[in-house]
Amino acid sequence: MINARFNHVNVIARDWRSLADFYTRVFGCEFVPPERDYSGPVFAAGVGVPGGALRGVHLRLPGAGEGGPTIEIYSYSEMLPAQPTAANRPGWNHVAFDVDDVRAARETVIAEGGSAVGEVVDAVLADGRGITWAYLADPEGNIVELRAWT
């Protein structure tokens, strides 16, 4: 096993500024300067995208503290078509936030440009703990899970 520590997760957005504003406004993520602007042959070789260039920002996730992990939101200068939002699509699936009230938070996400993917669900897990959760999509179709232990 390698010695590893989680650092960040990346989201590629059609409009990185708008999506970063959504996560800052809705979830309280905090901007970690500076804005990033990457291009050139070394960058293109590293990401495997010939001529690749991207711009974006890191946002510190809420509740993680000063040195905690970030979500980086970038846009490439040339983008492939977006895939439809679907919980059963292979690959990284969603980011999750613990909230006080899933139903109220769900309404806020929708009011701020997100959309429903599933319904709010109340469940009891095999270990007896209760949980309320829901899947939504951010304004670019990335799945966001909201959850609260009951």
N, C-alpha and C. Protein backbone atom coordinates (compact mmCIF):
# COMPACT_ATOMS: atom_id res chain seq x y z
N MET A 1 0.84 -1.17 0.00
CA MET A 1 0.00 0.00 0.00
C MET A 1 0.90 1.24 0.00
N ILE A 2 0.51 2.24 -0.78
CA ILE A 2 1.28 3.49 -0.81
C ILE A 2 0.81 4.41 0.31
N ASN A 3 1.67 5.30 0.74
CA ASN A 3 1.32 6.30 1.74
C ASN A 3 0.59 7.43 1.01
N ALA A 4 -0.73 7.55 1.21
CA ALA A 4 -1.53 8.51 0.45
C ALA A 4 -2.46 9.29 1.37
N ARG A 5 -2.80 10.48 0.94
CA ARG A 5 -3.76 11.33 1.64
C ARG A 5 -4.62 12.00 0.59
N PHE A 6 -5.94 11.96 0.76
CA PHE A 6 -6.84 12.56 -0.22
C PHE A 6 -6.58 14.05 -0.34
N ASN A 7 -6.55 14.57 -1.59
CA ASN A 7 -6.26 15.98 -1.83
C ASN A 7 -7.42 16.71 -2.48
N HIS A 8 -7.88 16.24 -3.64
CA HIS A 8 -8.97 16.94 -4.34
C HIS A 8 -9.68 16.00 -5.31
N VAL A 9 -10.82 16.46 -5.77
CA VAL A 9 -11.55 15.82 -6.85
C VAL A 9 -11.78 16.91 -7.90
N ASN A 10 -11.81 16.52 -9.15
CA ASN A 10 -11.92 17.47 -10.25
C ASN A 10 -13.26 17.33 -10.96
N VAL A 11 -13.84 18.46 -11.33
CA VAL A 11 -15.05 18.49 -12.15
C VAL A 11 -14.74 19.36 -13.36
N ILE A 12 -15.00 18.84 -14.53
CA ILE A 12 -14.85 19.62 -15.76
C ILE A 12 -16.22 20.21 -16.09
N ALA A 13 -16.25 21.53 -16.23
CA ALA A 13 -17.51 22.25 -16.42
C ALA A 13 -17.52 22.98 -17.76
N ARG A 14 -18.70 23.15 -18.30
CA ARG A 14 -18.83 23.99 -19.49
C ARG A 14 -18.51 25.44 -19.14
N ASP A 15 -18.93 25.88 -17.95
CA ASP A 15 -18.69 27.25 -17.47
C ASP A 15 -18.18 27.16 -16.03
N TRP A 16 -16.86 27.11 -15.87
CA TRP A 16 -16.29 26.89 -14.55
C TRP A 16 -16.63 28.00 -13.58
N ARG A 17 -16.70 29.24 -14.03
CA ARG A 17 -17.01 30.34 -13.12
C ARG A 17 -18.42 30.20 -12.55
N SER A 18 -19.35 29.89 -13.40
CA SER A 18 -20.74 29.74 -12.95
C SER A 18 -20.89 28.56 -11.99
N LEU A 19 -20.25 27.43 -12.30
CA LEU A 19 -20.36 26.26 -11.44
C LEU A 19 -19.65 26.49 -10.11
N ALA A 20 -18.50 27.14 -10.13
CA ALA A 20 -17.80 27.47 -8.88
C ALA A 20 -18.66 28.41 -8.03
N ASP A 21 -19.33 29.35 -8.65
CA ASP A 21 -20.22 30.25 -7.92
C ASP A 21 -21.35 29.47 -7.26
N PHE A 22 -21.91 28.48 -7.97
CA PHE A 22 -22.98 27.65 -7.42
C PHE A 22 -22.50 26.93 -6.15
N TYR A 23 -21.33 26.28 -6.21
CA TYR A 23 -20.84 25.53 -5.04
C TYR A 23 -20.46 26.46 -3.88
N THR A 24 -20.01 27.65 -4.20
CA THR A 24 -19.69 28.63 -3.16
C THR A 24 -20.97 29.15 -2.50
N ARG A 25 -21.93 29.52 -3.32
CA ARG A 25 -23.19 30.10 -2.84
C ARG A 25 -24.05 29.08 -2.10
N VAL A 26 -24.17 27.88 -2.64
CA VAL A 26 -25.11 26.90 -2.10
C VAL A 26 -24.51 26.08 -0.96
N PHE A 27 -23.25 25.65 -1.10
CA PHE A 27 -22.66 24.74 -0.11
C PHE A 27 -21.61 25.39 0.79
N GLY A 28 -21.27 26.64 0.53
CA GLY A 28 -20.29 27.31 1.37
C GLY A 28 -18.85 26.91 1.09
N CYS A 29 -18.58 26.38 -0.09
CA CYS A 29 -17.20 26.09 -0.47
C CYS A 29 -16.44 27.42 -0.54
N GLU A 30 -15.14 27.38 -0.27
CA GLU A 30 -14.34 28.60 -0.22
C GLU A 30 -13.24 28.58 -1.27
N PHE A 31 -13.10 29.69 -1.99
CA PHE A 31 -12.08 29.87 -3.02
C PHE A 31 -10.69 29.73 -2.41
N VAL A 32 -9.83 28.93 -3.06
CA VAL A 32 -8.43 28.78 -2.66
C VAL A 32 -7.59 29.37 -3.79
N PRO A 33 -7.05 30.58 -3.59
CA PRO A 33 -6.29 31.23 -4.66
C PRO A 33 -5.06 30.44 -5.03
N PRO A 34 -4.54 30.67 -6.23
CA PRO A 34 -5.04 31.56 -7.27
C PRO A 34 -5.95 30.82 -8.24
N GLU A 35 -6.58 31.56 -9.16
CA GLU A 35 -7.24 30.90 -10.28
C GLU A 35 -6.16 30.17 -11.05
N ARG A 36 -6.50 29.04 -11.62
CA ARG A 36 -5.52 28.25 -12.37
C ARG A 36 -5.71 28.46 -13.86
N ASP A 37 -4.59 28.44 -14.59
CA ASP A 37 -4.58 28.59 -16.05
C ASP A 37 -3.44 27.73 -16.57
N TYR A 38 -3.77 26.56 -17.12
CA TYR A 38 -2.75 25.60 -17.53
C TYR A 38 -2.83 25.38 -19.04
N SER A 39 -1.66 25.35 -19.68
CA SER A 39 -1.59 25.04 -21.10
C SER A 39 -0.14 24.74 -21.45
N GLY A 40 0.10 24.40 -22.68
CA GLY A 40 1.46 24.14 -23.15
C GLY A 40 1.73 22.66 -23.31
N PRO A 41 2.86 22.34 -23.91
CA PRO A 41 3.16 20.95 -24.24
C PRO A 41 3.31 20.03 -23.01
N VAL A 42 3.88 20.53 -21.92
CA VAL A 42 4.03 19.69 -20.74
C VAL A 42 2.66 19.37 -20.15
N PHE A 43 1.79 20.37 -20.05
CA PHE A 43 0.44 20.14 -19.54
C PHE A 43 -0.31 19.17 -20.45
N ALA A 44 -0.28 19.41 -21.77
CA ALA A 44 -0.99 18.56 -22.72
C ALA A 44 -0.50 17.11 -22.63
N ALA A 45 0.79 16.93 -22.46
CA ALA A 45 1.34 15.57 -22.33
C ALA A 45 0.84 14.92 -21.04
N GLY A 46 0.77 15.67 -19.97
CA GLY A 46 0.33 15.13 -18.69
C GLY A 46 -1.12 14.69 -18.67
N VAL A 47 -2.00 15.46 -19.32
CA VAL A 47 -3.42 15.11 -19.32
C VAL A 47 -3.82 14.26 -20.52
N GLY A 48 -2.91 14.10 -21.48
CA GLY A 48 -3.21 13.28 -22.64
C GLY A 48 -4.21 13.91 -23.59
N VAL A 49 -4.28 15.24 -23.60
CA VAL A 49 -5.18 15.96 -24.51
C VAL A 49 -4.30 16.86 -25.38
N PRO A 50 -4.05 16.46 -26.65
CA PRO A 50 -3.20 17.27 -27.51
C PRO A 50 -3.71 18.71 -27.59
N GLY A 51 -2.82 19.67 -27.34
CA GLY A 51 -3.20 21.08 -27.38
C GLY A 51 -4.08 21.50 -26.21
N GLY A 52 -4.23 20.64 -25.22
CA GLY A 52 -5.13 20.91 -24.10
C GLY A 52 -4.75 22.15 -23.31
N ALA A 53 -5.76 22.89 -22.92
CA ALA A 53 -5.59 24.07 -22.08
C ALA A 53 -6.84 24.18 -21.21
N LEU A 54 -6.63 24.56 -19.95
CA LEU A 54 -7.80 24.72 -19.09
C LEU A 54 -7.59 25.83 -18.09
N ARG A 55 -8.74 26.34 -17.60
CA ARG A 55 -8.77 27.38 -16.58
C ARG A 55 -9.74 26.95 -15.51
N GLY A 56 -9.50 27.42 -14.29
CA GLY A 56 -10.44 27.09 -13.24
C GLY A 56 -9.96 27.49 -11.87
N VAL A 57 -10.53 26.82 -10.87
CA VAL A 57 -10.32 27.22 -9.49
C VAL A 57 -10.43 26.01 -8.57
N HIS A 58 -9.77 26.08 -7.43
CA HIS A 58 -9.96 25.12 -6.35
C HIS A 58 -10.90 25.74 -5.32
N LEU A 59 -11.83 24.94 -4.80
CA LEU A 59 -12.73 25.37 -3.73
C LEU A 59 -12.57 24.41 -2.56
N ARG A 60 -12.28 24.95 -1.38
CA ARG A 60 -12.19 24.13 -0.18
C ARG A 60 -13.58 23.65 0.19
N LEU A 61 -13.68 22.36 0.48
CA LEU A 61 -14.96 21.76 0.85
C LEU A 61 -15.34 22.19 2.27
N PRO A 62 -16.63 22.40 2.49
CA PRO A 62 -17.06 22.85 3.83
C PRO A 62 -16.84 21.78 4.88
N GLY A 63 -16.46 22.23 6.08
CA GLY A 63 -16.28 21.31 7.19
C GLY A 63 -14.95 20.60 7.22
N ALA A 64 -14.07 20.86 6.24
CA ALA A 64 -12.82 20.13 6.14
C ALA A 64 -11.64 20.86 6.78
N GLY A 65 -11.81 22.10 7.16
CA GLY A 65 -10.73 22.85 7.78
C GLY A 65 -9.76 23.45 6.78
N GLU A 66 -8.84 24.24 7.31
CA GLU A 66 -7.90 25.03 6.49
C GLU A 66 -7.10 24.20 5.49
N GLY A 67 -6.61 23.05 5.88
CA GLY A 67 -5.81 22.24 4.97
C GLY A 67 -6.58 21.12 4.32
N GLY A 68 -7.90 21.18 4.40
CA GLY A 68 -8.74 20.09 3.91
C GLY A 68 -8.79 20.00 2.40
N PRO A 69 -9.39 18.92 1.91
CA PRO A 69 -9.45 18.68 0.46
C PRO A 69 -10.31 19.72 -0.26
N THR A 70 -10.10 19.76 -1.56
CA THR A 70 -10.81 20.71 -2.40
C THR A 70 -11.53 19.99 -3.53
N ILE A 71 -12.44 20.73 -4.12
CA ILE A 71 -13.03 20.34 -5.39
C ILE A 71 -12.48 21.36 -6.39
N GLU A 72 -11.87 20.86 -7.45
CA GLU A 72 -11.37 21.81 -8.46
C GLU A 72 -12.35 21.78 -9.62
N ILE A 73 -12.69 22.97 -10.08
CA ILE A 73 -13.65 23.11 -11.16
C ILE A 73 -12.95 23.84 -12.30
N TYR A 74 -12.83 23.14 -13.42
CA TYR A 74 -12.10 23.65 -14.57
C TYR A 74 -12.94 23.53 -15.84
N SER A 75 -12.55 24.34 -16.83
CA SER A 75 -13.09 24.21 -18.18
C SER A 75 -11.91 24.10 -19.15
N TYR A 76 -11.96 23.12 -20.03
CA TYR A 76 -10.98 23.00 -21.10
C TYR A 76 -11.33 23.99 -22.20
N SER A 77 -10.32 24.41 -22.95
CA SER A 77 -10.57 25.33 -24.06
C SER A 77 -11.42 24.66 -25.14
N GLU A 78 -11.28 23.35 -25.30
CA GLU A 78 -12.12 22.57 -26.21
C GLU A 78 -12.71 21.41 -25.42
N MET A 79 -14.02 21.26 -25.50
CA MET A 79 -14.72 20.27 -24.68
C MET A 79 -15.42 19.23 -25.54
N LEU A 80 -15.48 18.01 -25.03
CA LEU A 80 -16.29 16.97 -25.65
C LEU A 80 -17.74 17.19 -25.24
N PRO A 81 -18.69 16.60 -25.97
CA PRO A 81 -20.10 16.75 -25.58
C PRO A 81 -20.36 16.14 -24.20
N ALA A 82 -21.23 16.76 -23.45
CA ALA A 82 -21.60 16.25 -22.12
C ALA A 82 -22.43 14.98 -22.26
N GLN A 83 -22.29 14.10 -21.28
CA GLN A 83 -23.08 12.88 -21.21
C GLN A 83 -24.32 13.15 -20.37
N PRO A 84 -25.40 12.41 -20.60
CA PRO A 84 -26.60 12.62 -19.79
C PRO A 84 -26.36 12.27 -18.32
N THR A 85 -27.03 13.00 -17.43
CA THR A 85 -26.95 12.69 -16.01
C THR A 85 -27.65 11.37 -15.76
N ALA A 86 -26.96 10.45 -15.09
CA ALA A 86 -27.56 9.17 -14.74
C ALA A 86 -26.77 8.56 -13.59
N ALA A 87 -27.48 8.11 -12.57
CA ALA A 87 -26.83 7.53 -11.40
C ALA A 87 -26.11 6.22 -11.74
N ASN A 88 -26.52 5.55 -12.80
CA ASN A 88 -25.91 4.26 -13.15
C ASN A 88 -24.89 4.35 -14.28
N ARG A 89 -24.42 5.55 -14.58
CA ARG A 89 -23.38 5.74 -15.59
C ARG A 89 -22.04 5.34 -14.97
N PRO A 90 -21.19 4.57 -15.65
CA PRO A 90 -19.90 4.18 -15.09
C PRO A 90 -19.01 5.40 -14.83
N GLY A 91 -18.13 5.26 -13.87
CA GLY A 91 -17.18 6.33 -13.55
C GLY A 91 -17.52 6.97 -12.21
N TRP A 92 -16.80 8.04 -11.87
CA TRP A 92 -17.11 8.75 -10.63
C TRP A 92 -18.55 9.17 -10.67
N ASN A 93 -19.25 8.98 -9.57
CA ASN A 93 -20.70 9.15 -9.60
C ASN A 93 -21.20 10.43 -8.98
N HIS A 94 -20.77 10.77 -7.78
CA HIS A 94 -21.35 11.95 -7.14
C HIS A 94 -20.45 12.48 -6.03
N VAL A 95 -20.75 13.70 -5.61
CA VAL A 95 -20.16 14.29 -4.42
C VAL A 95 -21.28 14.37 -3.39
N ALA A 96 -20.97 14.13 -2.11
CA ALA A 96 -22.01 14.11 -1.07
C ALA A 96 -21.74 15.17 -0.02
N PHE A 97 -22.83 15.78 0.45
CA PHE A 97 -22.76 16.77 1.51
C PHE A 97 -23.71 16.37 2.62
N ASP A 98 -23.23 16.38 3.86
CA ASP A 98 -24.11 16.22 5.01
C ASP A 98 -24.78 17.56 5.25
N VAL A 99 -26.08 17.55 5.45
CA VAL A 99 -26.86 18.76 5.69
C VAL A 99 -27.77 18.54 6.89
N ASP A 100 -28.30 19.63 7.44
CA ASP A 100 -29.21 19.52 8.58
C ASP A 100 -30.58 19.00 8.16
N ASP A 101 -31.06 19.45 7.00
CA ASP A 101 -32.41 19.14 6.54
C ASP A 101 -32.37 18.87 5.04
N VAL A 102 -32.47 17.61 4.66
CA VAL A 102 -32.35 17.23 3.24
C VAL A 102 -33.43 17.89 2.40
N ARG A 103 -34.65 17.90 2.87
CA ARG A 103 -35.74 18.47 2.07
C ARG A 103 -35.54 19.96 1.82
N ALA A 104 -35.16 20.69 2.84
CA ALA A 104 -34.92 22.13 2.68
C ALA A 104 -33.70 22.39 1.78
N ALA A 105 -32.64 21.62 1.99
CA ALA A 105 -31.44 21.79 1.17
C ALA A 105 -31.74 21.44 -0.29
N ARG A 106 -32.55 20.43 -0.51
CA ARG A 106 -32.94 20.04 -1.87
C ARG A 106 -33.64 21.19 -2.56
N GLU A 107 -34.55 21.85 -1.87
CA GLU A 107 -35.27 22.99 -2.45
C GLU A 107 -34.31 24.14 -2.78
N THR A 108 -33.32 24.35 -1.93
CA THR A 108 -32.32 25.40 -2.19
C THR A 108 -31.51 25.07 -3.43
N VAL A 109 -31.05 23.83 -3.55
CA VAL A 109 -30.27 23.43 -4.73
C VAL A 109 -31.10 23.65 -5.99
N ILE A 110 -32.35 23.25 -5.98
CA ILE A 110 -33.21 23.42 -7.15
C ILE A 110 -33.43 24.90 -7.45
N ALA A 111 -33.68 25.71 -6.41
CA ALA A 111 -33.90 27.14 -6.60
C ALA A 111 -32.66 27.84 -7.17
N GLU A 112 -31.48 27.29 -6.89
CA GLU A 112 -30.24 27.90 -7.35
C GLU A 112 -29.76 27.35 -8.69
N GLY A 113 -30.60 26.59 -9.38
CA GLY A 113 -30.25 26.12 -10.72
C GLY A 113 -29.99 24.64 -10.84
N GLY A 114 -30.03 23.90 -9.73
CA GLY A 114 -29.88 22.45 -9.79
C GLY A 114 -31.19 21.79 -10.19
N SER A 115 -31.20 20.47 -10.23
CA SER A 115 -32.42 19.75 -10.59
C SER A 115 -32.48 18.42 -9.84
N ALA A 116 -33.68 17.90 -9.71
CA ALA A 116 -33.88 16.62 -9.03
C ALA A 116 -33.42 15.48 -9.93
N VAL A 117 -32.75 14.49 -9.33
CA VAL A 117 -32.42 13.24 -10.02
C VAL A 117 -33.33 12.15 -9.49
N GLY A 118 -33.47 12.08 -8.18
CA GLY A 118 -34.36 11.13 -7.52
C GLY A 118 -35.20 11.87 -6.50
N GLU A 119 -35.87 11.10 -5.67
CA GLU A 119 -36.72 11.66 -4.63
C GLU A 119 -35.98 11.66 -3.30
N VAL A 120 -36.52 12.37 -2.32
CA VAL A 120 -35.99 12.30 -0.96
C VAL A 120 -36.42 10.96 -0.39
N VAL A 121 -35.46 10.24 0.22
CA VAL A 121 -35.71 8.91 0.74
C VAL A 121 -35.34 8.88 2.23
N ASP A 122 -36.22 8.29 3.02
CA ASP A 122 -35.94 8.02 4.43
C ASP A 122 -35.73 6.52 4.55
N ALA A 123 -34.62 6.13 5.16
CA ALA A 123 -34.31 4.70 5.24
C ALA A 123 -33.69 4.36 6.59
N VAL A 124 -33.78 3.10 6.94
CA VAL A 124 -33.08 2.57 8.10
C VAL A 124 -32.06 1.57 7.57
N LEU A 125 -30.80 1.80 7.93
CA LEU A 125 -29.72 0.93 7.44
C LEU A 125 -29.66 -0.36 8.25
N ALA A 126 -28.91 -1.30 7.76
CA ALA A 126 -28.81 -2.61 8.42
C ALA A 126 -28.32 -2.51 9.85
N ASP A 127 -27.52 -1.48 10.16
CA ASP A 127 -27.02 -1.32 11.53
C ASP A 127 -27.98 -0.54 12.43
N GLY A 128 -29.18 -0.21 11.91
CA GLY A 128 -30.19 0.45 12.71
C GLY A 128 -30.19 1.96 12.63
N ARG A 129 -29.18 2.56 12.00
CA ARG A 129 -29.16 4.02 11.88
C ARG A 129 -30.15 4.47 10.82
N GLY A 130 -30.78 5.61 11.09
CA GLY A 130 -31.69 6.20 10.11
C GLY A 130 -30.96 7.24 9.28
N ILE A 131 -31.34 7.33 8.02
CA ILE A 131 -30.74 8.31 7.12
C ILE A 131 -31.81 8.84 6.18
N THR A 132 -31.73 10.12 5.89
CA THR A 132 -32.53 10.75 4.85
C THR A 132 -31.55 11.21 3.79
N TRP A 133 -31.84 10.92 2.52
CA TRP A 133 -30.93 11.32 1.46
C TRP A 133 -31.68 11.56 0.16
N ALA A 134 -31.00 12.27 -0.74
CA ALA A 134 -31.56 12.56 -2.06
C ALA A 134 -30.42 12.81 -3.04
N TYR A 135 -30.64 12.44 -4.28
CA TYR A 135 -29.72 12.75 -5.38
C TYR A 135 -30.31 13.92 -6.16
N LEU A 136 -29.46 14.89 -6.44
CA LEU A 136 -29.81 16.02 -7.29
C LEU A 136 -28.71 16.19 -8.31
N ALA A 137 -28.87 17.14 -9.22
CA ALA A 137 -27.82 17.49 -10.16
C ALA A 137 -27.50 18.96 -9.98
N ASP A 138 -26.22 19.30 -10.07
CA ASP A 138 -25.84 20.71 -10.07
C ASP A 138 -26.24 21.31 -11.42
N PRO A 139 -26.05 22.60 -11.66
CA PRO A 139 -26.49 23.20 -12.92
C PRO A 139 -25.86 22.61 -14.18
N GLU A 140 -24.77 21.85 -14.04
CA GLU A 140 -24.15 21.23 -15.21
C GLU A 140 -24.43 19.73 -15.30
N GLY A 141 -25.28 19.22 -14.41
CA GLY A 141 -25.68 17.82 -14.49
C GLY A 141 -24.87 16.86 -13.66
N ASN A 142 -23.92 17.33 -12.86
CA ASN A 142 -23.15 16.46 -11.97
C ASN A 142 -23.99 16.11 -10.76
N ILE A 143 -23.97 14.84 -10.36
CA ILE A 143 -24.83 14.40 -9.26
C ILE A 143 -24.25 14.84 -7.92
N VAL A 144 -25.15 15.35 -7.09
CA VAL A 144 -24.85 15.77 -5.72
C VAL A 144 -25.78 15.01 -4.80
N GLU A 145 -25.22 14.34 -3.79
CA GLU A 145 -26.04 13.67 -2.79
C GLU A 145 -26.12 14.56 -1.56
N LEU A 146 -27.33 14.72 -1.05
CA LEU A 146 -27.55 15.40 0.22
C LEU A 146 -27.98 14.33 1.20
N ARG A 147 -27.43 14.36 2.44
CA ARG A 147 -27.81 13.33 3.40
C ARG A 147 -27.80 13.90 4.80
N ALA A 148 -28.65 13.30 5.64
CA ALA A 148 -28.73 13.66 7.05
C ALA A 148 -29.03 12.40 7.84
N TRP A 149 -28.26 12.18 8.91
CA TRP A 149 -28.50 11.04 9.79
C TRP A 149 -29.66 11.40 10.70
N THR A 150 -30.58 10.46 10.87
CA THR A 150 -31.77 10.73 11.70
C THR A 150 -31.76 9.86 12.93
